[in-house]
PDB file of all heavy atoms in Angstrom:
ATOM      1  N   GLN A   1     -10.753 -84.203 -76.948  1.00  0.00           N
ATOM      2  CA  GLN A   1     -11.518 -84.930 -75.932  1.00  0.00           C
ATOM      3  C   GLN A   1     -10.666 -85.898 -75.102  1.00  0.00           C
ATOM      4  O   GLN A   1     -11.216 -86.723 -74.383  1.00  0.00           O
ATOM      5  CB  GLN A   1     -12.699 -85.660 -76.538  1.00  0.00           C
ATOM      6  CG  GLN A   1     -13.747 -84.770 -77.202  1.00  0.00           C
ATOM      7  CD  GLN A   1     -14.434 -83.885 -76.217  1.00  0.00           C
ATOM      8  OE1 GLN A   1     -14.713 -84.262 -75.094  1.00  0.00           O
ATOM      9  NE2 GLN A   1     -14.689 -82.638 -76.626  1.00  0.00           N
ATOM     10  N   GLU A   2      -9.349 -85.838 -75.206  1.00  0.00           N
ATOM     11  CA  GLU A   2      -8.502 -86.731 -74.455  1.00  0.00           C
ATOM     12  C   GLU A   2      -7.420 -85.956 -73.712  1.00  0.00           C
ATOM     13  O   GLU A   2      -6.915 -84.977 -74.210  1.00  0.00           O
ATOM     14  CB  GLU A   2      -7.810 -87.742 -75.365  1.00  0.00           C
ATOM     15  CG  GLU A   2      -8.755 -88.678 -76.031  1.00  0.00           C
ATOM     16  CD  GLU A   2      -8.058 -89.615 -76.996  1.00  0.00           C
ATOM     17  OE1 GLU A   2      -6.861 -89.527 -77.192  1.00  0.00           O
ATOM     18  OE2 GLU A   2      -8.771 -90.467 -77.557  1.00  0.00           O
ATOM     19  N   ILE A   3      -7.121 -86.399 -72.547  1.00  0.00           N
ATOM     20  CA  ILE A   3      -6.021 -85.800 -71.781  1.00  0.00           C
ATOM     21  C   ILE A   3      -5.065 -86.952 -71.391  1.00  0.00           C
ATOM     22  O   ILE A   3      -5.487 -87.933 -70.806  1.00  0.00           O
ATOM     23  CB  ILE A   3      -6.574 -85.139 -70.507  1.00  0.00           C
ATOM     24  CG1 ILE A   3      -7.558 -83.989 -70.841  1.00  0.00           C
ATOM     25  CG2 ILE A   3      -5.404 -84.590 -69.656  1.00  0.00           C
ATOM     26  CD1 ILE A   3      -8.280 -83.422 -69.651  1.00  0.00           C
ATOM     27  N   TYR A   4      -3.859 -86.809 -71.811  1.00  0.00           N
ATOM     28  CA  TYR A   4      -2.819 -87.770 -71.400  1.00  0.00           C
ATOM     29  C   TYR A   4      -2.139 -87.255 -70.104  1.00  0.00           C
ATOM     30  O   TYR A   4      -1.982 -86.063 -69.965  1.00  0.00           O
ATOM     31  CB  TYR A   4      -1.765 -87.909 -72.498  1.00  0.00           C
ATOM     32  CG  TYR A   4      -2.276 -88.652 -73.721  1.00  0.00           C
ATOM     33  CD1 TYR A   4      -2.862 -87.985 -74.745  1.00  0.00           C
ATOM     34  CD2 TYR A   4      -2.093 -90.035 -73.804  1.00  0.00           C
ATOM     35  CE1 TYR A   4      -3.346 -88.673 -75.858  1.00  0.00           C
ATOM     36  CE2 TYR A   4      -2.556 -90.721 -74.910  1.00  0.00           C
ATOM     37  CZ  TYR A   4      -3.191 -90.029 -75.925  1.00  0.00           C
ATOM     38  OH  TYR A   4      -3.635 -90.742 -77.017  1.00  0.00           O
ATOM     39  N   PHE A   5      -1.832 -88.170 -69.251  1.00  0.00           N
ATOM     40  CA  PHE A   5      -1.093 -87.747 -68.075  1.00  0.00           C
ATOM     41  C   PHE A   5      -0.122 -88.842 -67.701  1.00  0.00           C
ATOM     42  O   PHE A   5      -0.188 -89.982 -68.163  1.00  0.00           O
ATOM     43  CB  PHE A   5      -2.060 -87.447 -66.900  1.00  0.00           C
ATOM     44  CG  PHE A   5      -2.628 -88.681 -66.212  1.00  0.00           C
ATOM     45  CD1 PHE A   5      -2.166 -89.066 -64.950  1.00  0.00           C
ATOM     46  CD2 PHE A   5      -3.662 -89.407 -66.799  1.00  0.00           C
ATOM     47  CE1 PHE A   5      -2.704 -90.164 -64.302  1.00  0.00           C
ATOM     48  CE2 PHE A   5      -4.211 -90.504 -66.130  1.00  0.00           C
ATOM     49  CZ  PHE A   5      -3.704 -90.883 -64.918  1.00  0.00           C
ATOM     50  N   SER A   6       0.845 -88.473 -66.884  1.00  0.00           N
ATOM     51  CA  SER A   6       1.874 -89.377 -66.435  1.00  0.00           C
ATOM     52  C   SER A   6       2.286 -88.948 -65.004  1.00  0.00           C
ATOM     53  O   SER A   6       1.735 -88.004 -64.478  1.00  0.00           O
ATOM     54  CB  SER A   6       3.098 -89.356 -67.344  1.00  0.00           C
ATOM     55  OG  SER A   6       3.787 -88.138 -67.213  1.00  0.00           O
ATOM     56  N   GLU A   7       3.222 -89.622 -64.456  1.00  0.00           N
ATOM     57  CA  GLU A   7       3.706 -89.278 -63.117  1.00  0.00           C
ATOM     58  C   GLU A   7       4.344 -87.890 -63.140  1.00  0.00           C
ATOM     59  O   GLU A   7       4.515 -87.266 -62.078  1.00  0.00           O
ATOM     60  CB  GLU A   7       4.624 -90.338 -62.570  1.00  0.00           C
ATOM     61  CG  GLU A   7       3.875 -91.620 -62.314  1.00  0.00           C
ATOM     62  CD  GLU A   7       4.790 -92.782 -61.892  1.00  0.00           C
ATOM     63  OE1 GLU A   7       6.043 -92.633 -61.862  1.00  0.00           O
ATOM     64  OE2 GLU A   7       4.247 -93.872 -61.626  1.00  0.00           O
ATOM     65  N   LYS A   8       4.712 -87.377 -64.295  1.00  0.00           N
ATOM     66  CA  LYS A   8       5.332 -86.079 -64.416  1.00  0.00           C
ATOM     67  C   LYS A   8       4.372 -84.961 -64.140  1.00  0.00           C
ATOM     68  O   LYS A   8       4.782 -83.818 -63.975  1.00  0.00           O
ATOM     69  CB  LYS A   8       5.960 -85.898 -65.782  1.00  0.00           C
ATOM     70  CG  LYS A   8       7.120 -86.803 -66.039  1.00  0.00           C
ATOM     71  CD  LYS A   8       7.664 -86.685 -67.459  1.00  0.00           C
ATOM     72  CE  LYS A   8       8.769 -87.698 -67.676  1.00  0.00           C
ATOM     73  NZ  LYS A   8       9.268 -87.685 -69.036  1.00  0.00           N
ATOM     74  N   ASP A   9       3.058 -85.248 -64.063  1.00  0.00           N
ATOM     75  CA  ASP A   9       2.058 -84.240 -63.709  1.00  0.00           C
ATOM     76  C   ASP A   9       2.007 -83.968 -62.238  1.00  0.00           C
ATOM     77  O   ASP A   9       1.232 -83.088 -61.800  1.00  0.00           O
ATOM     78  CB  ASP A   9       0.669 -84.686 -64.212  1.00  0.00           C
ATOM     79  CG  ASP A   9       0.552 -84.595 -65.726  1.00  0.00           C
ATOM     80  OD1 ASP A   9       0.278 -83.498 -66.213  1.00  0.00           O
ATOM     81  OD2 ASP A   9       0.759 -85.621 -66.415  1.00  0.00           O
ATOM     82  N   PHE A  10       2.826 -84.671 -61.469  1.00  0.00           N
ATOM     83  CA  PHE A  10       2.805 -84.500 -59.993  1.00  0.00           C
ATOM     84  C   PHE A  10       4.172 -84.000 -59.539  1.00  0.00           C
ATOM     85  O   PHE A  10       5.195 -84.282 -60.113  1.00  0.00           O
ATOM     86  CB  PHE A  10       2.531 -85.858 -59.326  1.00  0.00           C
ATOM     87  CG  PHE A  10       1.159 -86.349 -59.649  1.00  0.00           C
ATOM     88  CD1 PHE A  10       0.906 -87.127 -60.797  1.00  0.00           C
ATOM     89  CD2 PHE A  10       0.083 -86.090 -58.787  1.00  0.00           C
ATOM     90  CE1 PHE A  10      -0.370 -87.585 -61.062  1.00  0.00           C
ATOM     91  CE2 PHE A  10      -1.188 -86.545 -59.069  1.00  0.00           C
ATOM     92  CZ  PHE A  10      -1.424 -87.291 -60.211  1.00  0.00           C
ATOM     93  N   THR A  11       4.156 -83.244 -58.442  1.00  0.00           N
ATOM     94  CA  THR A  11       5.384 -82.768 -57.854  1.00  0.00           C
ATOM     95  C   THR A  11       6.068 -83.895 -57.076  1.00  0.00           C
ATOM     96  O   THR A  11       5.454 -84.958 -56.893  1.00  0.00           O
ATOM     97  CB  THR A  11       5.125 -81.601 -56.856  1.00  0.00           C
ATOM     98  OG1 THR A  11       4.381 -82.112 -55.750  1.00  0.00           O
ATOM     99  CG2 THR A  11       4.361 -80.470 -57.532  1.00  0.00           C
ATOM    100  N   TRP A  12       7.242 -83.693 -56.622  1.00  0.00           N
ATOM    101  CA  TRP A  12       7.938 -84.746 -55.874  1.00  0.00           C
ATOM    102  C   TRP A  12       7.225 -85.022 -54.559  1.00  0.00           C
ATOM    103  O   TRP A  12       7.458 -86.054 -53.967  1.00  0.00           O
ATOM    104  CB  TRP A  12       9.428 -84.366 -55.693  1.00  0.00           C
ATOM    105  CG  TRP A  12       9.660 -83.145 -54.816  1.00  0.00           C
ATOM    106  CD1 TRP A  12       9.698 -81.828 -55.217  1.00  0.00           C
ATOM    107  CD2 TRP A  12       9.895 -83.186 -53.410  1.00  0.00           C
ATOM    108  NE1 TRP A  12       9.922 -81.042 -54.159  1.00  0.00           N
ATOM    109  CE2 TRP A  12      10.067 -81.806 -53.003  1.00  0.00           C
ATOM    110  CE3 TRP A  12       9.963 -84.157 -52.461  1.00  0.00           C
ATOM    111  CZ2 TRP A  12      10.328 -81.482 -51.706  1.00  0.00           C
ATOM    112  CZ3 TRP A  12      10.203 -83.776 -51.123  1.00  0.00           C
ATOM    113  CH2 TRP A  12      10.397 -82.470 -50.776  1.00  0.00           C
ATOM    114  N   ARG A  13       6.379 -84.109 -54.076  1.00  0.00           N
ATOM    115  CA  ARG A  13       5.601 -84.315 -52.874  1.00  0.00           C
ATOM    116  C   ARG A  13       4.277 -85.029 -53.142  1.00  0.00           C
ATOM    117  O   ARG A  13       3.484 -85.194 -52.225  1.00  0.00           O
ATOM    118  CB  ARG A  13       5.328 -82.992 -52.190  1.00  0.00           C
ATOM    119  CG  ARG A  13       6.579 -82.393 -51.585  1.00  0.00           C
ATOM    120  CD  ARG A  13       6.198 -81.162 -50.838  1.00  0.00           C
ATOM    121  NE  ARG A  13       7.366 -80.682 -50.122  1.00  0.00           N
ATOM    122  CZ  ARG A  13       7.300 -79.889 -49.074  1.00  0.00           C
ATOM    123  NH1 ARG A  13       6.114 -79.480 -48.646  1.00  0.00           N
ATOM    124  NH2 ARG A  13       8.383 -79.518 -48.476  1.00  0.00           N
ATOM    125  N   GLY A  14       4.017 -85.357 -54.402  1.00  0.00           N
ATOM    126  CA  GLY A  14       2.804 -86.054 -54.693  1.00  0.00           C
ATOM    127  C   GLY A  14       1.591 -85.186 -54.966  1.00  0.00           C
ATOM    128  O   GLY A  14       0.477 -85.637 -55.030  1.00  0.00           O
ATOM    129  N   ARG A  15       1.828 -83.882 -55.128  1.00  0.00           N
ATOM    130  CA  ARG A  15       0.743 -82.972 -55.406  1.00  0.00           C
ATOM    131  C   ARG A  15       0.638 -82.747 -56.958  1.00  0.00           C
ATOM    132  O   ARG A  15       1.656 -82.758 -57.648  1.00  0.00           O
ATOM    133  CB  ARG A  15       0.987 -81.624 -54.702  1.00  0.00           C
ATOM    134  CG  ARG A  15       0.899 -81.789 -53.218  1.00  0.00           C
ATOM    135  CD  ARG A  15       0.796 -80.417 -52.513  1.00  0.00           C
ATOM    136  NE  ARG A  15       0.614 -80.609 -51.126  1.00  0.00           N
ATOM    137  CZ  ARG A  15       1.576 -80.347 -50.226  1.00  0.00           C
ATOM    138  NH1 ARG A  15       2.720 -79.831 -50.587  1.00  0.00           N
ATOM    139  NH2 ARG A  15       1.325 -80.532 -48.934  1.00  0.00           N
ATOM    140  N   LEU A  16      -0.540 -82.434 -57.405  1.00  0.00           N
ATOM    141  CA  LEU A  16      -0.788 -82.181 -58.785  1.00  0.00           C
ATOM    142  C   LEU A  16      -0.226 -80.824 -59.162  1.00  0.00           C
ATOM    143  O   LEU A  16      -0.476 -79.832 -58.478  1.00  0.00           O
ATOM    144  CB  LEU A  16      -2.319 -82.261 -59.089  1.00  0.00           C
ATOM    145  CG  LEU A  16      -2.732 -82.280 -60.502  1.00  0.00           C
ATOM    146  CD1 LEU A  16      -2.127 -83.438 -61.285  1.00  0.00           C
ATOM    147  CD2 LEU A  16      -4.249 -82.352 -60.572  1.00  0.00           C
ATOM    148  N   LYS A  17       0.533 -80.789 -60.266  1.00  0.00           N
ATOM    149  CA  LYS A  17       1.078 -79.474 -60.689  1.00  0.00           C
ATOM    150  C   LYS A  17      -0.061 -78.608 -61.212  1.00  0.00           C
ATOM    151  O   LYS A  17      -1.016 -79.104 -61.807  1.00  0.00           O
ATOM    152  CB  LYS A  17       2.093 -79.719 -61.839  1.00  0.00           C
ATOM    153  CG  LYS A  17       3.372 -80.415 -61.372  1.00  0.00           C
ATOM    154  CD  LYS A  17       4.319 -80.629 -62.489  1.00  0.00           C
ATOM    155  CE  LYS A  17       5.589 -81.319 -62.037  1.00  0.00           C
ATOM    156  NZ  LYS A  17       6.499 -81.602 -63.167  1.00  0.00           N
ATOM    157  N   LYS A  18       0.018 -77.296 -60.966  1.00  0.00           N
ATOM    158  CA  LYS A  18      -1.016 -76.378 -61.370  1.00  0.00           C
ATOM    159  C   LYS A  18      -1.225 -76.334 -62.852  1.00  0.00           C
ATOM    160  O   LYS A  18      -2.383 -76.158 -63.352  1.00  0.00           O
ATOM    161  CB  LYS A  18      -0.676 -74.978 -60.849  1.00  0.00           C
ATOM    162  CG  LYS A  18      -0.821 -74.843 -59.369  1.00  0.00           C
ATOM    163  CD  LYS A  18      -0.592 -73.483 -58.884  1.00  0.00           C
ATOM    164  CE  LYS A  18      -0.902 -73.443 -57.408  1.00  0.00           C
ATOM    165  NZ  LYS A  18       0.029 -72.777 -56.564  1.00  0.00           N
ATOM    166  N   GLU A  19      -0.196 -76.496 -63.643  1.00  0.00           N
ATOM    167  CA  GLU A  19      -0.319 -76.398 -65.109  1.00  0.00           C
ATOM    168  C   GLU A  19      -0.762 -77.707 -65.770  1.00  0.00           C
ATOM    169  O   GLU A  19      -0.991 -77.760 -66.944  1.00  0.00           O
ATOM    170  CB  GLU A  19       1.054 -75.967 -65.733  1.00  0.00           C
ATOM    171  CG  GLU A  19       2.151 -76.965 -65.638  1.00  0.00           C
ATOM    172  CD  GLU A  19       2.931 -76.925 -64.316  1.00  0.00           C
ATOM    173  OE1 GLU A  19       2.591 -76.182 -63.414  1.00  0.00           O
ATOM    174  OE2 GLU A  19       3.942 -77.695 -64.232  1.00  0.00           O
ATOM    175  N   SER A  20      -0.955 -78.751 -64.981  1.00  0.00           N
ATOM    176  CA  SER A  20      -1.383 -80.030 -65.511  1.00  0.00           C
ATOM    177  C   SER A  20      -2.781 -79.964 -66.075  1.00  0.00           C
ATOM    178  O   SER A  20      -3.703 -79.420 -65.483  1.00  0.00           O
ATOM    179  CB  SER A  20      -1.326 -81.098 -64.409  1.00  0.00           C
ATOM    180  OG  SER A  20      -1.896 -82.297 -64.890  1.00  0.00           O
ATOM    181  N   LYS A  21      -2.955 -80.543 -67.254  1.00  0.00           N
ATOM    182  CA  LYS A  21      -4.282 -80.650 -67.858  1.00  0.00           C
ATOM    183  C   LYS A  21      -5.188 -81.635 -67.117  1.00  0.00           C
ATOM    184  O   LYS A  21      -6.399 -81.676 -67.339  1.00  0.00           O
ATOM    185  CB  LYS A  21      -4.181 -81.038 -69.350  1.00  0.00           C
ATOM    186  CG  LYS A  21      -3.598 -79.927 -70.172  1.00  0.00           C
ATOM    187  CD  LYS A  21      -3.811 -80.167 -71.619  1.00  0.00           C
ATOM    188  CE  LYS A  21      -3.348 -78.954 -72.399  1.00  0.00           C
ATOM    189  NZ  LYS A  21      -3.724 -79.040 -73.807  1.00  0.00           N
ATOM    190  N   LEU A  22      -4.617 -82.378 -66.228  1.00  0.00           N
ATOM    191  CA  LEU A  22      -5.389 -83.281 -65.366  1.00  0.00           C
ATOM    192  C   LEU A  22      -6.407 -82.497 -64.541  1.00  0.00           C
ATOM    193  O   LEU A  22      -7.468 -83.013 -64.216  1.00  0.00           O
ATOM    194  CB  LEU A  22      -4.405 -84.039 -64.474  1.00  0.00           C
ATOM    195  CG  LEU A  22      -4.901 -85.184 -63.649  1.00  0.00           C
ATOM    196  CD1 LEU A  22      -5.658 -86.200 -64.480  1.00  0.00           C
ATOM    197  CD2 LEU A  22      -3.711 -85.880 -62.989  1.00  0.00           C
ATOM    198  N   ASN A  23      -6.091 -81.258 -64.249  1.00  0.00           N
ATOM    199  CA  ASN A  23      -7.012 -80.383 -63.509  1.00  0.00           C
ATOM    200  C   ASN A  23      -8.336 -80.189 -64.192  1.00  0.00           C
ATOM    201  O   ASN A  23      -9.357 -80.124 -63.554  1.00  0.00           O
ATOM    202  CB  ASN A  23      -6.356 -79.032 -63.216  1.00  0.00           C
ATOM    203  CG  ASN A  23      -5.274 -79.118 -62.177  1.00  0.00           C
ATOM    204  OD1 ASN A  23      -5.456 -79.655 -61.093  1.00  0.00           O
ATOM    205  ND2 ASN A  23      -4.081 -78.643 -62.506  1.00  0.00           N
ATOM    206  N   GLU A  24      -8.301 -80.105 -65.555  1.00  0.00           N
ATOM    207  CA  GLU A  24      -9.552 -79.975 -66.356  1.00  0.00           C
ATOM    208  C   GLU A  24     -10.433 -81.149 -66.147  1.00  0.00           C
ATOM    209  O   GLU A  24     -11.623 -81.019 -66.004  1.00  0.00           O
ATOM    210  CB  GLU A  24      -9.193 -79.871 -67.834  1.00  0.00           C
ATOM    211  CG  GLU A  24      -8.425 -78.606 -68.230  1.00  0.00           C
ATOM    212  CD  GLU A  24      -7.954 -78.661 -69.675  1.00  0.00           C
ATOM    213  OE1 GLU A  24      -8.579 -79.382 -70.500  1.00  0.00           O
ATOM    214  OE2 GLU A  24      -7.005 -77.944 -70.023  1.00  0.00           O
ATOM    215  N   PHE A  25      -9.860 -82.370 -66.177  1.00  0.00           N
ATOM    216  CA  PHE A  25     -10.652 -83.562 -66.006  1.00  0.00           C
ATOM    217  C   PHE A  25     -11.240 -83.641 -64.582  1.00  0.00           C
ATOM    218  O   PHE A  25     -12.414 -83.943 -64.404  1.00  0.00           O
ATOM    219  CB  PHE A  25      -9.735 -84.810 -66.234  1.00  0.00           C
ATOM    220  CG  PHE A  25     -10.472 -86.091 -66.206  1.00  0.00           C
ATOM    221  CD1 PHE A  25     -11.083 -86.596 -67.330  1.00  0.00           C
ATOM    222  CD2 PHE A  25     -10.506 -86.872 -65.055  1.00  0.00           C
ATOM    223  CE1 PHE A  25     -11.756 -87.798 -67.315  1.00  0.00           C
ATOM    224  CE2 PHE A  25     -11.172 -88.053 -64.979  1.00  0.00           C
ATOM    225  CZ  PHE A  25     -11.804 -88.555 -66.132  1.00  0.00           C
ATOM    226  N   LEU A  26     -10.434 -83.342 -63.600  1.00  0.00           N
ATOM    227  CA  LEU A  26     -10.888 -83.448 -62.213  1.00  0.00           C
ATOM    228  C   LEU A  26     -11.911 -82.370 -61.833  1.00  0.00           C
ATOM    229  O   LEU A  26     -12.631 -82.529 -60.853  1.00  0.00           O
ATOM    230  CB  LEU A  26      -9.705 -83.408 -61.285  1.00  0.00           C
ATOM    231  CG  LEU A  26      -8.730 -84.593 -61.363  1.00  0.00           C
ATOM    232  CD1 LEU A  26      -7.552 -84.388 -60.437  1.00  0.00           C
ATOM    233  CD2 LEU A  26      -9.454 -85.889 -61.067  1.00  0.00           C
ATOM    234  N   ALA A  27     -12.000 -81.312 -62.626  1.00  0.00           N
ATOM    235  CA  ALA A  27     -12.945 -80.234 -62.334  1.00  0.00           C
ATOM    236  C   ALA A  27     -14.389 -80.596 -62.781  1.00  0.00           C
ATOM    237  O   ALA A  27     -15.340 -79.934 -62.446  1.00  0.00           O
ATOM    238  CB  ALA A  27     -12.537 -78.959 -63.050  1.00  0.00           C
TER     239      ALA A  27
END
């Protein structure tokens, strides 16, 4: 039930990486 994220979940252009679990939360 927890998702950890960091700045590494983003590309150098500031976009969210496709494989990031952050996508699950934002959905």
